[in-house]
Structure formats: C-alpha cells, structure tokens
Amino acid sequence: MIRCPRCALTCTAAGCPATAPLSWYAGRGWGTAQQLVHRLGGDVTVAMVRRWRDRDGLTTRSGYSPLDEAARIEAAKRLSPRGRPRPT
C-alpha cells in the first residue's frame, strides 16, 4: 500500500485519486481537501485547508470547497507577514 506524499490518500495503480478532475457547479471548480492540496502548491497540506474552513470561512458543501476561494485564502496567507515564512 503506497500513500500519496502530498495528501496521504492510498494510491491506486492509476495514481493518487485526488488528482481526479474537480466537480463543476455554477462555473466554479469544487473539490475535496485532498484535491485542493494537489492544485494549490507543494507546501499546502490537508490540515491547512481544513483550518481555512474553520478560521477563514472557506465555503464547504458536502465535503467539497471551491478552488477559487481556497486560492484567494492561500494567496492572502502566503503574502501575509504573520506566521511562518513561506516561499512565494
């Protein structure tokens, strides 16, 4: 059993299941926390995405969140002078 180093899901012969295409609703791409991690950068973790739901108001419906909203939150966090330094 091999786990994905980015999102910790169990990989299949085809690769990580989180790399599947996002669901589209009302012109926005919606994905699970693991799918968002695969699209937002190498230093984003599933725990970070879950904290955004709790602390920053990331919209969640049935376990799915919009990629564009998560990207805006990530950009604000990455460019903020607070917290640990992260590469831009």
C-alpha atoms as a PDB file:
ATOM      1  CA  MET A   1       0.000   0.000   0.000  1.00  0.00           C
ATOM      2  CA  ILE A   2       1.509   3.303  -1.117  1.00  0.00           C
ATOM      3  CA  ARG A   3       0.322   6.647   0.248  1.00  0.00           C
ATOM      4  CA  CYS A   4       0.473   9.905  -1.669  1.00  0.00           C
ATOM      5  CA  PRO A   5       3.188  12.138  -0.157  1.00  0.00           C
ATOM      6  CA  ARG A   6       1.044  15.261  -0.718  1.00  0.00           C
ATOM      7  CA  CYS A   7      -2.376  14.274   0.644  1.00  0.00           C
ATOM      8  CA  ALA A   8      -1.833  10.867   2.335  1.00  0.00           C
ATOM      9  CA  LEU A   9      -4.567   9.090   0.361  1.00  0.00           C
ATOM     10  CA  THR A  10      -3.899   5.493  -0.648  1.00  0.00           C
ATOM     11  CA  CYS A  11      -2.693   5.421  -4.246  1.00  0.00           C
ATOM     12  CA  THR A  12      -4.049   3.026  -6.841  1.00  0.00           C
ATOM     13  CA  ALA A  13      -2.293   1.677  -9.916  1.00  0.00           C
ATOM     14  CA  ALA A  14      -3.529   4.777 -11.767  1.00  0.00           C
ATOM     15  CA  GLY A  15      -2.015   7.138  -9.167  1.00  0.00           C
ATOM     16  CA  CYS A  16      -3.479   9.327  -6.450  1.00  0.00           C
ATOM     17  CA  PRO A  17      -7.290   9.514  -6.500  1.00  0.00           C
ATOM     18  CA  ALA A  18      -7.123  13.201  -5.506  1.00  0.00           C
ATOM     19  CA  THR A  19      -5.776  14.103  -8.947  1.00  0.00           C
ATOM     20  CA  ALA A  20      -9.214  13.366 -10.446  1.00  0.00           C
ATOM     21  CA  PRO A  21     -10.925  16.314 -12.168  1.00  0.00           C
ATOM     22  CA  LEU A  22     -12.824  18.745  -9.965  1.00  0.00           C
ATOM     23  CA  SER A  23     -16.627  18.832  -9.891  1.00  0.00           C
ATOM     24  CA  TRP A  24     -18.075  21.900 -11.597  1.00  0.00           C
ATOM     25  CA  TYR A  25     -21.092  23.728 -10.216  1.00  0.00           C
ATOM     26  CA  ALA A  26     -22.197  27.247 -11.142  1.00  0.00           C
ATOM     27  CA  GLY A  27     -18.970  27.884 -13.044  1.00  0.00           C
ATOM     28  CA  ARG A  28     -16.711  27.046 -10.103  1.00  0.00           C
ATOM     29  CA  GLY A  29     -14.455  24.048  -9.577  1.00  0.00           C
ATOM     30  CA  TRP A  30     -15.275  22.269  -6.323  1.00  0.00           C
ATOM     31  CA  GLY A  31     -13.024  19.646  -4.728  1.00  0.00           C
ATOM     32  CA  THR A  32     -12.244  17.784  -1.549  1.00  0.00           C
ATOM     33  CA  ALA A  33      -9.453  18.998   0.734  1.00  0.00           C
ATOM     34  CA  GLN A  34      -7.125  16.455  -0.886  1.00  0.00           C
ATOM     35  CA  GLN A  35      -7.964  17.665  -4.393  1.00  0.00           C
ATOM     36  CA  LEU A  36      -7.350  21.281  -3.386  1.00  0.00           C
ATOM     37  CA  VAL A  37      -3.973  20.341  -1.884  1.00  0.00           C
ATOM     38  CA  HIS A  38      -2.859  18.859  -5.199  1.00  0.00           C
ATOM     39  CA  ARG A  39      -3.720  22.074  -7.013  1.00  0.00           C
ATOM     40  CA  LEU A  40      -2.513  24.788  -4.601  1.00  0.00           C
ATOM     41  CA  GLY A  41       1.193  24.141  -4.218  1.00  0.00           C
ATOM     42  CA  GLY A  42       3.774  21.877  -2.705  1.00  0.00           C
ATOM     43  CA  ASP A  43       3.678  23.306   0.814  1.00  0.00           C
ATOM     44  CA  VAL A  44      -0.121  23.287   1.289  1.00  0.00           C
ATOM     45  CA  THR A  45      -1.411  20.458   3.479  1.00  0.00           C
ATOM     46  CA  VAL A  46      -4.845  18.937   4.078  1.00  0.00           C
ATOM     47  CA  ALA A  47      -4.735  20.274   7.650  1.00  0.00           C
ATOM     48  CA  MET A  48      -4.224  23.802   6.325  1.00  0.00           C
ATOM     49  CA  VAL A  49      -7.276  23.531   4.063  1.00  0.00           C
ATOM     50  CA  ARG A  50      -9.359  22.271   6.991  1.00  0.00           C
ATOM     51  CA  ARG A  51      -8.177  25.198   9.150  1.00  0.00           C
ATOM     52  CA  TRP A  52      -9.250  27.599   6.402  1.00  0.00           C
ATOM     53  CA  ARG A  53     -12.762  26.156   6.731  1.00  0.00           C
ATOM     54  CA  ASP A  54     -12.788  26.784  10.470  1.00  0.00           C
ATOM     55  CA  ARG A  55     -10.897  30.071  10.713  1.00  0.00           C
ATOM     56  CA  ASP A  56     -11.244  31.840   7.382  1.00  0.00           C
ATOM     57  CA  GLY A  57     -14.757  30.872   6.306  1.00  0.00           C
ATOM     58  CA  LEU A  58     -13.896  28.642   3.350  1.00  0.00           C
ATOM     59  CA  THR A  59     -17.252  27.563   1.935  1.00  0.00           C
ATOM     60  CA  THR A  60     -17.928  23.836   2.289  1.00  0.00           C
ATOM     61  CA  ARG A  61     -20.864  21.859   0.956  1.00  0.00           C
ATOM     62  CA  SER A  62     -20.985  18.091   1.442  1.00  0.00           C
ATOM     63  CA  GLY A  63     -17.213  17.932   1.899  1.00  0.00           C
ATOM     64  CA  TYR A  64     -16.398  19.987  -1.211  1.00  0.00           C
ATOM     65  CA  SER A  65     -14.945  23.511  -1.347  1.00  0.00           C
ATOM     66  CA  PRO A  66     -14.416  25.898  -4.291  1.00  0.00           C
ATOM     67  CA  LEU A  67     -10.879  26.065  -5.671  1.00  0.00           C
ATOM     68  CA  ASP A  68     -11.013  29.793  -6.486  1.00  0.00           C
ATOM     69  CA  GLU A  69     -11.978  30.708  -2.920  1.00  0.00           C
ATOM     70  CA  ALA A  70      -9.263  28.441  -1.472  1.00  0.00           C
ATOM     71  CA  ALA A  71      -6.714  30.029  -3.823  1.00  0.00           C
ATOM     72  CA  ARG A  72      -7.637  33.533  -2.589  1.00  0.00           C
ATOM     73  CA  ILE A  73      -7.248  32.454   1.044  1.00  0.00           C
ATOM     74  CA  GLU A  74      -3.924  30.753   0.257  1.00  0.00           C
ATOM     75  CA  ALA A  75      -2.596  33.861  -1.502  1.00  0.00           C
ATOM     76  CA  ALA A  76      -3.539  36.059   1.456  1.00  0.00           C
ATOM     77  CA  LYS A  77      -1.839  33.649   3.876  1.00  0.00           C
ATOM     78  CA  ARG A  78       1.281  33.296   1.723  1.00  0.00           C
ATOM     79  CA  LEU A  79       1.744  37.047   1.320  1.00  0.00           C
ATOM     80  CA  SER A  80       0.959  37.917   4.949  1.00  0.00           C
ATOM     81  CA  PRO A  81       3.877  38.987   7.155  1.00  0.00           C
ATOM     82  CA  ARG A  82       2.422  36.913  10.018  1.00  0.00           C
ATOM     83  CA  GLY A  83       3.158  33.270  10.691  1.00  0.00           C
ATOM     84  CA  ARG A  84       5.970  31.118   9.408  1.00  0.00           C
ATOM     85  CA  PRO A  85       7.760  32.329   6.266  1.00  0.00           C
ATOM     86  CA  ARG A  86       6.759  30.541   3.089  1.00  0.00           C
ATOM     87  CA  PRO A  87       8.199  30.787  -0.412  1.00  0.00           C
ATOM     88  CA  THR A  88       6.277  32.991  -2.843  1.00  0.00           C
END
